[in-house]
């Protein structure tokens, strides 16, 4: 299976056009090989790092270096 095609990195001043999960880098991350997963919904970022699957914690935009997402819609499962 090939890796999904991703968008370029966007600055935190640009919001995603739709809610969902995105790859993101915190301010301290300087490489392009590491990222965290953040959820964007209701105009805000949320992290699942503390308790994945249980609750989401607010992630402050000032801590966000940049983000990226899928470059195209994933194929629907049959």
Protein backbone atom coordinates (compact mmCIF):
# COMPACT_ATOMS: atom_id res chain seq x y z
CA UNK A 1 0.00 0.00 0.00
CA UNK A 2 1.39 3.41 -0.96
CA UNK A 3 1.53 6.40 1.37
CA UNK A 4 -1.30 8.93 0.95
CA UNK A 5 -0.62 12.10 -1.03
CA UNK A 6 -0.49 15.07 1.34
CA UNK A 7 -0.86 18.82 0.92
CA UNK A 8 2.06 21.15 1.51
CA UNK A 9 2.51 22.46 5.06
CA UNK A 10 0.19 25.38 5.90
CA UNK A 11 0.87 28.05 8.55
CA UNK A 12 -1.40 28.24 11.62
CA UNK A 13 -2.99 31.42 10.23
CA UNK A 14 -4.69 29.27 7.55
CA UNK A 15 -7.51 27.02 8.77
CA UNK A 16 -8.42 23.73 7.07
CA UNK A 17 -11.48 23.89 4.82
CA UNK A 18 -13.17 20.95 6.56
CA UNK A 19 -13.15 19.26 9.95
CA UNK A 20 -11.05 16.15 10.42
CA UNK A 21 -7.67 14.77 11.45
CA UNK A 22 -4.48 16.48 10.32
CA UNK A 23 -0.75 16.08 10.73
CA UNK A 24 0.74 19.00 12.60
CA UNK A 25 3.98 20.18 14.10
CA UNK A 26 4.37 21.99 17.37
CA UNK A 27 6.65 25.03 17.58
CA UNK A 28 9.59 22.93 18.84
CA UNK A 29 9.56 20.52 15.88
CA UNK A 30 12.01 21.60 13.16
CA UNK A 31 12.20 18.55 10.88
CA UNK A 32 9.66 17.31 8.33
CA UNK A 33 9.78 13.70 9.50
CA UNK A 34 7.95 14.11 12.84
CA UNK A 35 4.40 15.22 13.54
CA UNK A 36 1.47 14.90 15.90
CA UNK A 37 -2.14 14.17 14.96
CA UNK A 38 -4.60 16.98 15.64
CA UNK A 39 -8.32 17.20 15.04
CA UNK A 40 -9.77 20.40 13.58
CA UNK A 41 -13.44 21.08 14.31
CA UNK A 42 -15.54 24.14 15.07
CA UNK A 43 -12.65 26.40 14.09
CA UNK A 44 -10.35 25.01 16.80
CA UNK A 45 -7.61 22.40 17.13
CA UNK A 46 -7.82 19.45 19.52
CA UNK A 47 -5.28 16.82 20.53
CA UNK A 48 -5.91 13.18 21.40
CA UNK A 49 -2.41 12.62 22.79
CA UNK A 50 -3.41 12.59 26.45
CA UNK A 51 -6.11 9.91 26.26
CA UNK A 52 -6.61 8.62 22.72
CA UNK A 53 -10.20 7.59 22.10
CA UNK A 54 -11.51 9.01 25.38
CA UNK A 55 -11.52 12.79 25.22
CA UNK A 56 -9.88 15.57 23.33
CA UNK A 57 -7.96 18.46 24.80
CA UNK A 58 -7.84 21.92 23.28
CA UNK A 59 -4.63 22.64 21.38
CA UNK A 60 -3.71 26.32 21.25
CA UNK A 61 -2.95 27.76 17.81
CA UNK A 62 0.02 29.68 19.25
CA UNK A 63 1.71 26.28 19.81
CA UNK A 64 1.15 25.20 16.20
CA UNK A 65 4.07 25.58 13.76
CA UNK A 66 2.19 24.28 10.70
CA UNK A 67 -0.21 21.54 9.54
CA UNK A 68 -1.00 19.38 6.50
CA UNK A 69 -3.75 17.03 5.37
CA UNK A 70 -4.74 14.64 2.61
CA UNK A 71 -4.41 16.11 -0.88
CA UNK A 72 -7.50 14.25 -2.11
CA UNK A 73 -10.59 12.53 -0.73
CA UNK A 74 -9.86 9.02 0.55
CA UNK A 75 -11.62 6.28 -1.37
CA UNK A 76 -14.88 5.17 0.21
CA UNK A 77 -14.87 1.64 1.59
CA UNK A 78 -17.34 -0.75 -0.06
